[in-house]
Protein backbone atom coordinates (compact mmCIF):
# COMPACT_ATOMS: atom_id res chain seq x y z
CA MET A 1 25.00 22.78 22.31
CA SER A 2 25.36 22.29 18.57
CA GLU A 3 26.68 24.91 16.19
CA LYS A 4 23.95 27.20 14.84
CA LYS A 5 23.37 26.56 11.13
CA PRO A 6 21.30 28.80 8.87
CA CYS A 7 18.24 27.25 7.28
CA GLU A 8 18.95 26.01 3.77
CA CYS A 9 15.72 27.46 2.37
CA CYS A 10 15.99 31.03 3.70
CA GLY A 11 19.49 31.39 5.16
CA LYS A 12 18.11 32.52 8.54
CA SER A 13 18.40 30.96 11.97
CA THR A 14 17.08 31.65 15.46
CA ASP A 15 18.99 31.69 18.72
CA ARG A 16 16.99 29.71 21.27
CA SER A 17 17.77 29.17 24.91
CA ASP A 18 18.54 25.62 25.93
CA GLU A 19 15.28 25.60 27.90
CA GLU A 20 13.18 26.75 24.91
CA ARG A 21 14.85 24.24 22.59
CA LYS A 22 14.33 21.44 25.11
CA LYS A 23 10.65 22.37 25.52
CA LEU A 24 10.02 22.39 21.76
CA ILE A 25 11.84 19.10 21.23
CA HIS A 26 9.87 17.52 24.08
CA ARG A 27 6.61 18.54 22.37
CA LEU A 28 7.84 17.15 19.05
CA ASN A 29 8.88 13.88 20.67
CA ARG A 30 5.37 13.49 22.13
CA ILE A 31 3.82 14.21 18.73
CA GLU A 32 6.14 11.70 17.09
CA GLY A 33 5.08 9.08 19.64
CA GLN A 34 1.42 9.83 19.00
CA VAL A 35 1.90 9.42 15.24
CA ARG A 36 3.70 6.12 15.77
CA GLY A 37 0.77 5.03 17.92
CA ILE A 38 -1.66 5.86 15.12
CA ARG A 39 0.44 3.90 12.67
CA ARG A 40 0.29 0.88 14.98
CA MET A 41 -3.48 1.30 15.23
CA VAL A 42 -3.77 1.23 11.43
CA GLU A 43 -1.45 -1.78 11.20
CA ASP A 44 -3.57 -3.56 13.84
CA ASP A 45 -6.84 -2.69 12.03
CA ALA A 46 -8.13 -0.60 14.93
CA TYR A 47 -11.62 0.86 14.73
CA CYS A 48 -11.78 3.94 12.46
CA ALA A 49 -13.37 6.21 15.08
CA ASP A 50 -10.60 5.38 17.57
CA ILE A 51 -7.95 6.26 14.99
CA LEU A 52 -9.73 9.50 14.13
CA ILE A 53 -9.79 10.51 17.80
CA GLN A 54 -6.06 9.91 18.06
CA SER A 55 -5.49 11.82 14.82
CA ALA A 56 -7.43 14.78 16.24
CA ALA A 57 -5.20 14.64 19.32
CA VAL A 58 -2.12 14.87 17.07
CA ASN A 59 -3.64 17.86 15.27
CA ALA A 60 -4.25 19.57 18.62
CA ALA A 61 -0.66 18.83 19.69
CA VAL A 62 0.75 20.26 16.45
CA ASN A 63 -1.44 23.36 16.85
CA ALA A 64 -0.17 23.82 20.42
CA PHE A 65 3.41 23.48 19.16
CA ASN A 66 2.73 26.07 16.44
CA LYS A 67 1.16 28.51 18.92
CA GLU A 68 4.16 28.27 21.22
CA LEU A 69 6.66 28.68 18.39
CA LEU A 70 4.68 31.54 16.82
CA ALA A 71 4.52 33.44 20.12
CA SER A 72 8.26 33.01 20.56
CA HIS A 73 8.85 34.11 16.95
CA ILE A 74 6.79 37.29 17.39
CA ARG A 75 8.33 38.19 20.77
CA GLY A 76 11.86 37.48 19.57
CA CYS A 77 12.59 37.52 15.86
CA VAL A 78 9.79 39.82 14.69
CA ALA A 79 10.17 42.36 17.51
CA ARG A 80 13.96 42.43 17.05
CA ASP A 81 13.69 43.02 13.31
CA ILE A 82 11.05 45.74 13.68
CA ARG A 83 13.24 47.53 16.23
CA ALA A 84 16.10 47.27 13.73
CA GLY A 85 13.95 48.92 11.05
CA LYS A 86 13.45 45.72 9.04
CA ASP A 87 9.75 46.22 8.36
CA GLU A 88 9.77 43.47 5.71
CA VAL A 89 9.48 41.04 8.64
CA ILE A 90 5.83 42.12 8.92
CA ASP A 91 5.09 40.86 5.40
CA GLU A 92 6.92 37.63 6.23
CA LEU A 93 4.80 37.24 9.38
CA VAL A 94 1.58 37.84 7.44
CA THR A 95 2.59 35.21 4.87
CA THR A 96 3.44 32.76 7.66
CA LEU A 97 0.08 33.36 9.37
CA GLN A 98 -1.77 32.87 6.09
CA LYS A 99 -0.05 29.50 5.63
CA LEU A 100 -0.86 28.46 9.21
CA MET A 101 -4.52 29.38 8.77
CA LYS A 102 -5.16 27.25 5.69
């Protein structure tokens, strides 16, 4: 396991189990493969509708990734901070949800 490094933008980090990390990375690897497939379709001048269907599949995969990560964030980080009296995490969660719902 690699050393935990705080995020450069906010200075925070999240402890994840090896299983959770592996699951998230697996999802991202699949998404990356789908995007590479779309790129090949564009390079090969595939039919627009076929590319759009694959693009929609990528959007669905990213949404599924976000749902899984958001649930984990709420159950872990948010709940922990609320229990610790850090109510500002609620405002952070609202801001995050607003960005996700654009």
